Amino acid sequence: MSTTPQNPTTLPATIENARKQFELACKSAEGLQTLNNFGAAFQAVNVVSLLRQALTDEVMDAVFMPLMNTKIGFLTDHTGKARGNRPPLQPYGREIVRDAIIDAVTVGLMPTGNQFNIIAERMYPTKEGYTALLRRLGVKYFIETGYDKSQAEGFAEIPCKITYSYGGERNAFSITATVKKDSYSSPDQIRGKAERRAKKALYEYITGCDFGDADEDSSTPIDVVAEEISGEANQGGQIGRKAPSQQAQQPQQAQTAQASAQAAPKSNPAKPEMDF
């Protein structure tokens, strides 16, 4: 009596059907253009509907939940492990992971290769994710990343110059990316975070789409530094309250300031220089 050997890689019928639906949704998302296309809303609804049909609880538990908190899949801030003095955070449930995967696939990211992270229950593209998005658009670019110019302990300031070519346009601009750092941060890690900020800035500049950032207090690239008032900071009195001597001197100071303003020659304000 002979038996036919079974292929150990054969997926159950329900998982196989879900795989086909997931691939169809990914292909539909590839043609989804969110810029200057009002019909994209109808296509986006179709993509989300296909994904919700494919990502059943069975599929989530068998395929996608094991990818969570792995470099081959996607990372999160809920790893179930303690970090320093912080208590461990329980891994996210399937509902949050499912919504994050739907958000990621809809904008062109995949739940593999660490193309997105889940931070505070939300999906954020990573450096690898923005690399994939820019490649999908056909953008050719080169990023020159400098070294930390900040003397502060809590954050770094990394100058980045971005040169790109897209749709027949060749251009370049510079940013100063601010990223968080601590005593464990290596120069390569800091520059890697700055590179992500640079790719994020390039993608936003081309598409106008901003997917937010996990560190909103340090996410905005800063390219203007105001230093002219730093020498006089905190030298005045309390705002909203004046000493009696200041109140008495106020009319005389106002007359002196008005006379000086009339005598001073008028000049046009200097325009800031642009990098592009």
C-alpha atoms as a PDB file:
ATOM      1  CA  MET A   1       0.000   0.000   0.000  1.00  0.00           C
ATOM      2  CA  SER A   2       1.542   3.249  -1.143  1.00  0.00           C
ATOM      3  CA  THR A   3       0.829   6.697   0.178  1.00  0.00           C
ATOM      4  CA  THR A   4       1.278   9.972  -1.656  1.00  0.00           C
ATOM      5  CA  PRO A   5       3.705  12.252   0.217  1.00  0.00           C
ATOM      6  CA  GLN A   6       2.282  15.611   1.151  1.00  0.00           C
ATOM      7  CA  ASN A   7       4.125  18.832   0.480  1.00  0.00           C
ATOM      8  CA  PRO A   8       4.949  20.318   3.890  1.00  0.00           C
ATOM      9  CA  THR A   9       4.850  23.837   2.409  1.00  0.00           C
ATOM     10  CA  THR A  10       1.243  23.511   1.221  1.00  0.00           C
ATOM     11  CA  LEU A  11      -0.948  26.063   2.961  1.00  0.00           C
ATOM     12  CA  PRO A  12      -4.486  25.365   4.183  1.00  0.00           C
ATOM     13  CA  ALA A  13      -7.176  26.384   1.727  1.00  0.00           C
ATOM     14  CA  THR A  14      -8.314  29.315   3.868  1.00  0.00           C
ATOM     15  CA  ILE A  15      -4.779  30.681   4.152  1.00  0.00           C
ATOM     16  CA  GLU A  16      -4.154  30.176   0.431  1.00  0.00           C
ATOM     17  CA  ASN A  17      -7.315  32.081  -0.491  1.00  0.00           C
ATOM     18  CA  ALA A  18      -6.311  34.863   1.883  1.00  0.00           C
ATOM     19  CA  ARG A  19      -2.874  35.010   0.268  1.00  0.00           C
ATOM     20  CA  LYS A  20      -4.454  35.545  -3.154  1.00  0.00           C
ATOM     21  CA  GLN A  21      -6.681  38.295  -1.799  1.00  0.00           C
ATOM     22  CA  PHE A  22      -3.723  39.937  -0.096  1.00  0.00           C
ATOM     23  CA  GLU A  23      -1.662  39.872  -3.303  1.00  0.00           C
ATOM     24  CA  LEU A  24      -4.591  41.342  -5.235  1.00  0.00           C
ATOM     25  CA  ALA A  25      -4.903  44.144  -2.684  1.00  0.00           C
ATOM     26  CA  CYS A  26      -1.170  44.868  -2.915  1.00  0.00           C
ATOM     27  CA  LYS A  27      -1.356  45.095  -6.718  1.00  0.00           C
ATOM     28  CA  SER A  28      -4.334  47.428  -6.473  1.00  0.00           C
ATOM     29  CA  ALA A  29      -2.439  49.599  -4.000  1.00  0.00           C
ATOM     30  CA  GLU A  30       0.474  49.893  -6.455  1.00  0.00           C
ATOM     31  CA  GLY A  31      -1.754  51.818  -8.829  1.00  0.00           C
ATOM     32  CA  LEU A  32      -3.229  53.944  -6.093  1.00  0.00           C
ATOM     33  CA  GLN A  33      -2.265  57.565  -6.718  1.00  0.00           C
ATOM     34  CA  THR A  34      -3.228  59.960  -3.935  1.00  0.00           C
ATOM     35  CA  LEU A  35      -1.941  63.085  -5.674  1.00  0.00           C
ATOM     36  CA  ASN A  36      -4.373  65.089  -7.872  1.00  0.00           C
ATOM     37  CA  ASN A  37      -6.728  62.159  -8.362  1.00  0.00           C
ATOM     38  CA  PHE A  38     -10.170  62.295  -6.768  1.00  0.00           C
ATOM     39  CA  GLY A  39     -11.001  58.805  -8.030  1.00  0.00           C
ATOM     40  CA  ALA A  40      -8.292  57.424  -5.757  1.00  0.00           C
ATOM     41  CA  ALA A  41     -10.769  57.427  -2.867  1.00  0.00           C
ATOM     42  CA  PHE A  42     -12.871  54.736  -4.553  1.00  0.00           C
ATOM     43  CA  GLN A  43      -9.803  52.661  -5.318  1.00  0.00           C
ATOM     44  CA  ALA A  44      -8.563  53.045  -1.739  1.00  0.00           C
ATOM     45  CA  VAL A  45     -11.902  51.757  -0.424  1.00  0.00           C
ATOM     46  CA  ASN A  46     -11.526  48.695  -2.638  1.00  0.00           C
ATOM     47  CA  VAL A  47      -8.008  48.052  -1.324  1.00  0.00           C
ATOM     48  CA  VAL A  48      -9.092  48.375   2.304  1.00  0.00           C
ATOM     49  CA  SER A  49     -12.071  46.082   1.691  1.00  0.00           C
ATOM     50  CA  LEU A  50      -9.868  43.390   0.111  1.00  0.00           C
ATOM     51  CA  LEU A  51      -7.408  43.597   2.978  1.00  0.00           C
ATOM     52  CA  ARG A  52     -10.092  43.281   5.649  1.00  0.00           C
ATOM     53  CA  GLN A  53     -11.471  40.214   3.879  1.00  0.00           C
ATOM     54  CA  ALA A  54      -8.015  38.660   3.667  1.00  0.00           C
ATOM     55  CA  LEU A  55      -6.775  39.481   7.173  1.00  0.00           C
ATOM     56  CA  THR A  56      -9.069  37.246   9.173  1.00  0.00           C
ATOM     57  CA  ASP A  57      -8.229  36.269  12.728  1.00  0.00           C
ATOM     58  CA  GLU A  58      -6.965  32.904  11.477  1.00  0.00           C
ATOM     59  CA  VAL A  59      -4.668  34.551   8.926  1.00  0.00           C
ATOM     60  CA  MET A  60      -3.414  37.115  11.434  1.00  0.00           C
ATOM     61  CA  ASP A  61      -2.529  34.439  13.994  1.00  0.00           C
ATOM     62  CA  ALA A  62      -0.920  32.109  11.454  1.00  0.00           C
ATOM     63  CA  VAL A  63       0.976  34.574   9.243  1.00  0.00           C
ATOM     64  CA  PHE A  64       1.321  38.137  10.476  1.00  0.00           C
ATOM     65  CA  MET A  65       1.441  38.024  14.270  1.00  0.00           C
ATOM     66  CA  PRO A  66       4.622  35.866  14.170  1.00  0.00           C
ATOM     67  CA  LEU A  67       6.258  38.628  12.058  1.00  0.00           C
ATOM     68  CA  MET A  68       5.762  41.199  14.805  1.00  0.00           C
ATOM     69  CA  ASN A  69       8.932  42.357  16.603  1.00  0.00           C
ATOM     70  CA  THR A  70      11.251  40.671  14.104  1.00  0.00           C
ATOM     71  CA  LYS A  71      13.607  42.347  11.638  1.00  0.00           C
ATOM     72  CA  ILE A  72      12.255  40.160   8.853  1.00  0.00           C
ATOM     73  CA  GLY A  73       8.801  41.480   9.651  1.00  0.00           C
ATOM     74  CA  PHE A  74       8.139  44.733  11.513  1.00  0.00           C
ATOM     75  CA  LEU A  75       9.117  46.191  14.890  1.00  0.00           C
ATOM     76  CA  THR A  76       6.946  47.774  17.580  1.00  0.00           C
ATOM     77  CA  ASP A  77       7.345  49.594  20.880  1.00  0.00           C
ATOM     78  CA  HIS A  78       5.458  46.796  22.669  1.00  0.00           C
ATOM     79  CA  THR A  79       7.919  43.923  22.771  1.00  0.00           C
ATOM     80  CA  GLY A  80       6.954  42.300  26.058  1.00  0.00           C
ATOM     81  CA  LYS A  81      10.474  42.965  27.334  1.00  0.00           C
ATOM     82  CA  ALA A  82      11.658  45.482  29.895  1.00  0.00           C
ATOM     83  CA  ARG A  83      13.756  48.421  28.660  1.00  0.00           C
ATOM     84  CA  GLY A  84      15.984  49.835  31.366  1.00  0.00           C
ATOM     85  CA  ASN A  85      13.795  50.963  34.253  1.00  0.00           C
ATOM     86  CA  ARG A  86      10.634  50.814  32.156  1.00  0.00           C
ATOM     87  CA  PRO A  87       8.218  47.953  32.807  1.00  0.00           C
ATOM     88  CA  PRO A  88       7.564  45.564  29.895  1.00  0.00           C
ATOM     89  CA  LEU A  89       4.698  46.424  27.549  1.00  0.00           C
ATOM     90  CA  GLN A  90       2.554  43.557  26.360  1.00  0.00           C
ATOM     91  CA  PRO A  91       2.716  42.932  22.586  1.00  0.00           C
ATOM     92  CA  TYR A  92      -0.060  44.467  20.516  1.00  0.00           C
ATOM     93  CA  GLY A  93      -3.195  42.478  19.783  1.00  0.00           C
ATOM     94  CA  ARG A  94      -4.323  41.457  16.334  1.00  0.00           C
ATOM     95  CA  GLU A  95      -6.766  44.380  15.929  1.00  0.00           C
ATOM     96  CA  ILE A  96      -4.028  47.018  16.216  1.00  0.00           C
ATOM     97  CA  VAL A  97      -1.639  45.008  14.050  1.00  0.00           C
ATOM     98  CA  ARG A  98      -4.337  44.448  11.419  1.00  0.00           C
ATOM     99  CA  ASP A  99      -5.103  48.177  11.180  1.00  0.00           C
ATOM    100  CA  ALA A 100      -1.385  48.999  10.950  1.00  0.00           C
ATOM    101  CA  ILE A 101      -0.890  46.493   8.109  1.00  0.00           C
ATOM    102  CA  ILE A 102      -3.870  47.920   6.242  1.00  0.00           C
ATOM    103  CA  ASP A 103      -2.477  51.456   6.597  1.00  0.00           C
ATOM    104  CA  ALA A 104       0.961  50.296   5.464  1.00  0.00           C
ATOM    105  CA  VAL A 105      -0.175  48.343   2.404  1.00  0.00           C
ATOM    106  CA  THR A 106      -2.483  51.151   1.316  1.00  0.00           C
ATOM    107  CA  VAL A 107       0.436  53.599   1.047  1.00  0.00           C
ATOM    108  CA  GLY A 108       2.712  51.061  -0.645  1.00  0.00           C
ATOM    109  CA  LEU A 109       4.578  49.369   2.233  1.00  0.00           C
ATOM    110  CA  MET A 110       4.880  45.667   3.013  1.00  0.00           C
ATOM    111  CA  PRO A 111       4.778  43.868   6.398  1.00  0.00           C
ATOM    112  CA  THR A 112       8.245  42.451   5.757  1.00  0.00           C
ATOM    113  CA  GLY A 113      11.756  43.904   5.697  1.00  0.00           C
ATOM    114  CA  ASN A 114      11.025  46.320   8.567  1.00  0.00           C
ATOM    115  CA  GLN A 115       9.371  48.803   6.215  1.00  0.00           C
ATOM    116  CA  PHE A 116       7.186  50.153   9.009  1.00  0.00           C
ATOM    117  CA  ASN A 117       7.015  50.226  12.807  1.00  0.00           C
ATOM    118  CA  ILE A 118       4.040  50.333  15.128  1.00  0.00           C
ATOM    119  CA  ILE A 119       4.566  53.067  17.726  1.00  0.00           C
ATOM    120  CA  ALA A 120       1.816  54.123  20.131  1.00  0.00           C
ATOM    121  CA  GLU A 121      -0.648  51.945  18.173  1.00  0.00           C
ATOM    122  CA  ARG A 122       0.084  53.763  14.887  1.00  0.00           C
ATOM    123  CA  MET A 123       1.954  52.845  11.736  1.00  0.00           C
ATOM    124  CA  TYR A 124       5.086  54.834  10.834  1.00  0.00           C
ATOM    125  CA  PRO A 125       7.302  54.232   7.781  1.00  0.00           C
ATOM    126  CA  THR A 126      10.927  53.441   8.599  1.00  0.00           C
ATOM    127  CA  LYS A 127      14.082  54.332   6.688  1.00  0.00           C
ATOM    128  CA  GLU A 128      13.641  51.106   4.730  1.00  0.00           C
ATOM    129  CA  GLY A 129      10.013  52.049   4.145  1.00  0.00           C
ATOM    130  CA  TYR A 130      10.823  55.454   2.681  1.00  0.00           C
ATOM    131  CA  THR A 131      13.486  53.795   0.535  1.00  0.00           C
ATOM    132  CA  ALA A 132      10.785  51.504  -0.876  1.00  0.00           C
ATOM    133  CA  LEU A 133       8.345  54.379  -1.415  1.00  0.00           C
ATOM    134  CA  LEU A 134      10.905  56.512  -3.248  1.00  0.00           C
ATOM    135  CA  ARG A 135      11.899  53.536  -5.401  1.00  0.00           C
ATOM    136  CA  ARG A 136       8.254  52.954  -6.216  1.00  0.00           C
ATOM    137  CA  LEU A 137       7.973  56.548  -7.461  1.00  0.00           C
ATOM    138  CA  GLY A 138      11.124  56.183  -9.551  1.00  0.00           C
ATOM    139  CA  VAL A 139      13.044  58.892  -7.682  1.00  0.00           C
ATOM    140  CA  LYS A 140      16.818  58.871  -8.058  1.00  0.00           C
ATOM    141  CA  TYR A 141      18.605  60.584  -5.201  1.00  0.00           C
ATOM    142  CA  PHE A 142      21.802  60.918  -3.231  1.00  0.00           C
ATOM    143  CA  ILE A 143      21.996  61.949   0.425  1.00  0.00           C
ATOM    144  CA  GLU A 144      25.106  63.401   2.027  1.00  0.00           C
ATOM    145  CA  THR A 145      24.882  62.950   5.787  1.00  0.00           C
ATOM    146  CA  GLY A 146      27.167  64.958   8.068  1.00  0.00           C
ATOM    147  CA  TYR A 147      27.995  64.601  11.741  1.00  0.00           C
ATOM    148  CA  ASP A 148      26.406  65.867  14.925  1.00  0.00           C
ATOM    149  CA  LYS A 149      26.769  69.636  15.349  1.00  0.00           C
ATOM    150  CA  SER A 150      24.814  69.866  18.603  1.00  0.00           C
ATOM    151  CA  GLN A 151      26.347  70.106  22.064  1.00  0.00           C
ATOM    152  CA  ALA A 152      23.125  69.038  23.773  1.00  0.00           C
ATOM    153  CA  GLU A 153      22.827  65.671  25.483  1.00  0.00           C
ATOM    154  CA  GLY A 154      19.273  64.798  24.485  1.00  0.00           C
ATOM    155  CA  PHE A 155      19.312  65.370  20.729  1.00  0.00           C
ATOM    156  CA  ALA A 156      21.626  65.591  17.744  1.00  0.00           C
ATOM    157  CA  GLU A 157      21.642  67.993  14.794  1.00  0.00           C
ATOM    158  CA  ILE A 158      22.786  66.315  11.597  1.00  0.00           C
ATOM    159  CA  PRO A 159      23.194  68.338   8.369  1.00  0.00           C
ATOM    160  CA  CYS A 160      21.926  66.504   5.287  1.00  0.00           C
ATOM    161  CA  LYS A 161      22.115  67.521   1.629  1.00  0.00           C
ATOM    162  CA  ILE A 162      19.610  65.840  -0.696  1.00  0.00           C
ATOM    163  CA  THR A 163      20.216  65.755  -4.447  1.00  0.00           C
ATOM    164  CA  TYR A 164      17.503  64.141  -6.528  1.00  0.00           C
ATOM    165  CA  SER A 165      16.108  63.615 -10.006  1.00  0.00           C
ATOM    166  CA  TYR A 166      12.404  63.014 -10.597  1.00  0.00           C
ATOM    167  CA  GLY A 167      10.111  63.519 -13.584  1.00  0.00           C
ATOM    168  CA  GLY A 168      12.785  65.330 -15.555  1.00  0.00           C
ATOM    169  CA  GLU A 169      13.542  67.699 -12.677  1.00  0.00           C
ATOM    170  CA  ARG A 170      16.964  67.832 -11.050  1.00  0.00           C
ATOM    171  CA  ASN A 171      17.200  69.700  -7.772  1.00  0.00           C
ATOM    172  CA  ALA A 172      18.897  69.767  -4.389  1.00  0.00           C
ATOM    173  CA  PHE A 173      18.117  71.107  -0.938  1.00  0.00           C
ATOM    174  CA  SER A 174      19.561  70.847   2.554  1.00  0.00           C
ATOM    175  CA  ILE A 175      18.054  70.201   5.972  1.00  0.00           C
ATOM    176  CA  THR A 176      19.331  69.890   9.502  1.00  0.00           C
ATOM    177  CA  ALA A 177      17.694  66.780  10.927  1.00  0.00           C
ATOM    178  CA  THR A 178      17.154  66.713  14.676  1.00  0.00           C
ATOM    179  CA  VAL A 179      17.063  63.245  16.239  1.00  0.00           C
ATOM    180  CA  LYS A 180      16.944  61.987  19.792  1.00  0.00           C
ATOM    181  CA  LYS A 181      20.018  60.410  21.307  1.00  0.00           C
ATOM    182  CA  ASP A 182      21.194  58.992  24.609  1.00  0.00           C
ATOM    183  CA  SER A 183      24.373  57.609  26.118  1.00  0.00           C
ATOM    184  CA  TYR A 184      23.906  54.359  24.182  1.00  0.00           C
ATOM    185  CA  SER A 185      23.512  55.992  20.757  1.00  0.00           C
ATOM    186  CA  SER A 186      26.386  55.354  18.363  1.00  0.00           C
ATOM    187  CA  PRO A 187      27.335  57.785  15.560  1.00  0.00           C
ATOM    188  CA  ASP A 188      26.105  55.289  12.960  1.00  0.00           C
ATOM    189  CA  GLN A 189      22.728  54.990  14.678  1.00  0.00           C
ATOM    190  CA  ILE A 190      22.349  58.759  14.856  1.00  0.00           C
ATOM    191  CA  ARG A 191      23.276  59.221  11.201  1.00  0.00           C
ATOM    192  CA  GLY A 192      20.887  56.404  10.255  1.00  0.00           C
ATOM    193  CA  LYS A 193      18.032  58.255  11.958  1.00  0.00           C
ATOM    194  CA  ALA A 194      19.064  61.448  10.166  1.00  0.00           C
ATOM    195  CA  GLU A 195      19.048  59.600   6.838  1.00  0.00           C
ATOM    196  CA  ARG A 196      15.475  58.527   7.522  1.00  0.00           C
ATOM    197  CA  ARG A 197      14.518  62.160   8.203  1.00  0.00           C
ATOM    198  CA  ALA A 198      16.136  63.161   4.918  1.00  0.00           C
ATOM    199  CA  LYS A 199      14.254  60.498   2.938  1.00  0.00           C
ATOM    200  CA  LYS A 200      11.050  61.463   4.713  1.00  0.00           C
ATOM    201  CA  ALA A 201      11.604  65.125   3.790  1.00  0.00           C
ATOM    202  CA  LEU A 202      12.256  64.193   0.147  1.00  0.00           C
ATOM    203  CA  TYR A 203       9.138  62.022  -0.069  1.00  0.00           C
ATOM    204  CA  GLU A 204       6.997  64.750   1.497  1.00  0.00           C
ATOM    205  CA  TYR A 205       8.482  67.383  -0.819  1.00  0.00           C
ATOM    206  CA  ILE A 206       7.637  65.338  -3.935  1.00  0.00           C
ATOM    207  CA  THR A 207       4.223  63.957  -2.951  1.00  0.00           C
ATOM    208  CA  GLY A 208       2.935  66.330  -0.283  1.00  0.00           C
ATOM    209  CA  CYS A 209       2.062  63.296   1.880  1.00  0.00           C
ATOM    210  CA  ASP A 210       3.105  63.370   5.532  1.00  0.00           C
ATOM    211  CA  PHE A 211       2.679  60.134   7.476  1.00  0.00           C
ATOM    212  CA  GLY A 212       3.756  61.708  10.757  1.00  0.00           C
ATOM    213  CA  ASP A 213       6.574  60.644  13.026  1.00  0.00           C
ATOM    214  CA  ALA A 214       6.867  58.639  16.197  1.00  0.00           C
ATOM    215  CA  ASP A 215       8.932  61.424  17.820  1.00  0.00           C
ATOM    216  CA  GLU A 216       6.878  64.477  16.978  1.00  0.00           C
ATOM    217  CA  ASP A 217       8.901  66.709  19.282  1.00  0.00           C
ATOM    218  CA  SER A 218      12.038  66.062  17.226  1.00  0.00           C
ATOM    219  CA  SER A 219      10.646  65.251  13.807  1.00  0.00           C
ATOM    220  CA  THR A 220      10.704  68.658  12.133  1.00  0.00           C
ATOM    221  CA  PRO A 221      13.883  69.380  10.165  1.00  0.00           C
ATOM    222  CA  ILE A 222      15.354  72.686  11.301  1.00  0.00           C
ATOM    223  CA  ASP A 223      17.334  74.755   8.807  1.00  0.00           C
ATOM    224  CA  VAL A 224      17.132  78.194  10.410  1.00  0.00           C
ATOM    225  CA  VAL A 225      18.909  79.043  13.673  1.00  0.00           C
ATOM    226  CA  ALA A 226      18.023  82.264  15.504  1.00  0.00           C
ATOM    227  CA  GLU A 227      21.015  83.538  17.475  1.00  0.00           C
ATOM    228  CA  GLU A 228      20.568  87.311  17.486  1.00  0.00           C
ATOM    229  CA  ILE A 229      18.593  87.487  20.743  1.00  0.00           C
ATOM    230  CA  SER A 230      20.400  84.756  22.674  1.00  0.00           C
ATOM    231  CA  GLY A 231      22.721  87.266  24.407  1.00  0.00           C
ATOM    232  CA  GLU A 232      19.784  89.238  25.824  1.00  0.00           C
ATOM    233  CA  ALA A 233      17.627  86.311  26.884  1.00  0.00           C
ATOM    234  CA  ASN A 234      15.955  86.481  30.325  1.00  0.00           C
ATOM    235  CA  GLN A 235      17.325  89.995  30.977  1.00  0.00           C
ATOM    236  CA  GLY A 236      13.999  91.834  31.184  1.00  0.00           C
ATOM    237  CA  GLY A 237      11.324  92.053  33.862  1.00  0.00           C
ATOM    238  CA  GLN A 238       8.400  89.727  34.295  1.00  0.00           C
ATOM    239  CA  ILE A 239       5.975  89.824  31.384  1.00  0.00           C
ATOM    240  CA  GLY A 240       2.692  91.606  32.172  1.00  0.00           C
ATOM    241  CA  ARG A 241       3.996  93.366  35.320  1.00  0.00           C
ATOM    242  CA  LYS A 242       5.993  96.592  35.483  1.00  0.00           C
ATOM    243  CA  ALA A 243       7.868  98.162  38.349  1.00  0.00           C
ATOM    244  CA  PRO A 244       6.867 101.755  39.368  1.00  0.00           C
ATOM    245  CA  SER A 245      10.149 103.165  38.068  1.00  0.00           C
ATOM    246  CA  GLN A 246       9.534 101.513  34.695  1.00  0.00           C
ATOM    247  CA  GLN A 247       6.056 103.006  34.483  1.00  0.00           C
ATOM    248  CA  ALA A 248       7.431 106.480  35.133  1.00  0.00           C
ATOM    249  CA  GLN A 249      10.123 106.134  32.493  1.00  0.00           C
ATOM    250  CA  GLN A 250       7.798 104.685  29.847  1.00  0.00           C
ATOM    251  CA  PRO A 251       6.554 108.015  28.281  1.00  0.00           C
ATOM    252  CA  GLN A 252      10.090 109.402  28.016  1.00  0.00           C
ATOM    253  CA  GLN A 253      11.403 106.163  26.494  1.00  0.00           C
ATOM    254  CA  ALA A 254       8.547 106.100  23.979  1.00  0.00           C
ATOM    255  CA  GLN A 255       9.342 109.673  22.823  1.00  0.00           C
ATOM    256  CA  THR A 256      13.055 108.856  22.494  1.00  0.00           C
ATOM    257  CA  ALA A 257      12.314 105.679  20.481  1.00  0.00           C
ATOM    258  CA  GLN A 258       9.928 107.579  18.176  1.00  0.00           C
ATOM    259  CA  ALA A 259      12.529 110.278  17.467  1.00  0.00           C
ATOM    260  CA  SER A 260      15.199 107.678  16.726  1.00  0.00           C
ATOM    261  CA  ALA A 261      12.892 105.824  14.355  1.00  0.00           C
ATOM    262  CA  GLN A 262      12.158 109.024  12.376  1.00  0.00           C
ATOM    263  CA  ALA A 263      15.859 109.875  12.090  1.00  0.00           C
ATOM    264  CA  ALA A 264      17.022 106.384  11.055  1.00  0.00           C
ATOM    265  CA  PRO A 265      17.289 105.727   7.299  1.00  0.00           C
ATOM    266  CA  LYS A 266      14.873 103.205   5.846  1.00  0.00           C
ATOM    267  CA  SER A 267      16.277  99.905   4.521  1.00  0.00           C
ATOM    268  CA  ASN A 268      14.724  96.889   2.880  1.00  0.00           C
ATOM    269  CA  PRO A 269      14.801  93.668   4.919  1.00  0.00           C
ATOM    270  CA  ALA A 270      17.263  91.054   3.707  1.00  0.00           C
ATOM    271  CA  LYS A 271      15.738  88.060   1.986  1.00  0.00           C
ATOM    272  CA  PRO A 272      16.780  84.626   3.205  1.00  0.00           C
ATOM    273  CA  GLU A 273      18.916  82.568   0.886  1.00  0.00           C
ATOM    274  CA  MET A 274      17.270  79.404  -0.471  1.00  0.00           C
ATOM    275  CA  ASP A 275      19.085  76.158  -1.205  1.00  0.00           C
ATOM    276  CA  PHE A 276      16.901  75.414  -4.196  1.00  0.00           C
END
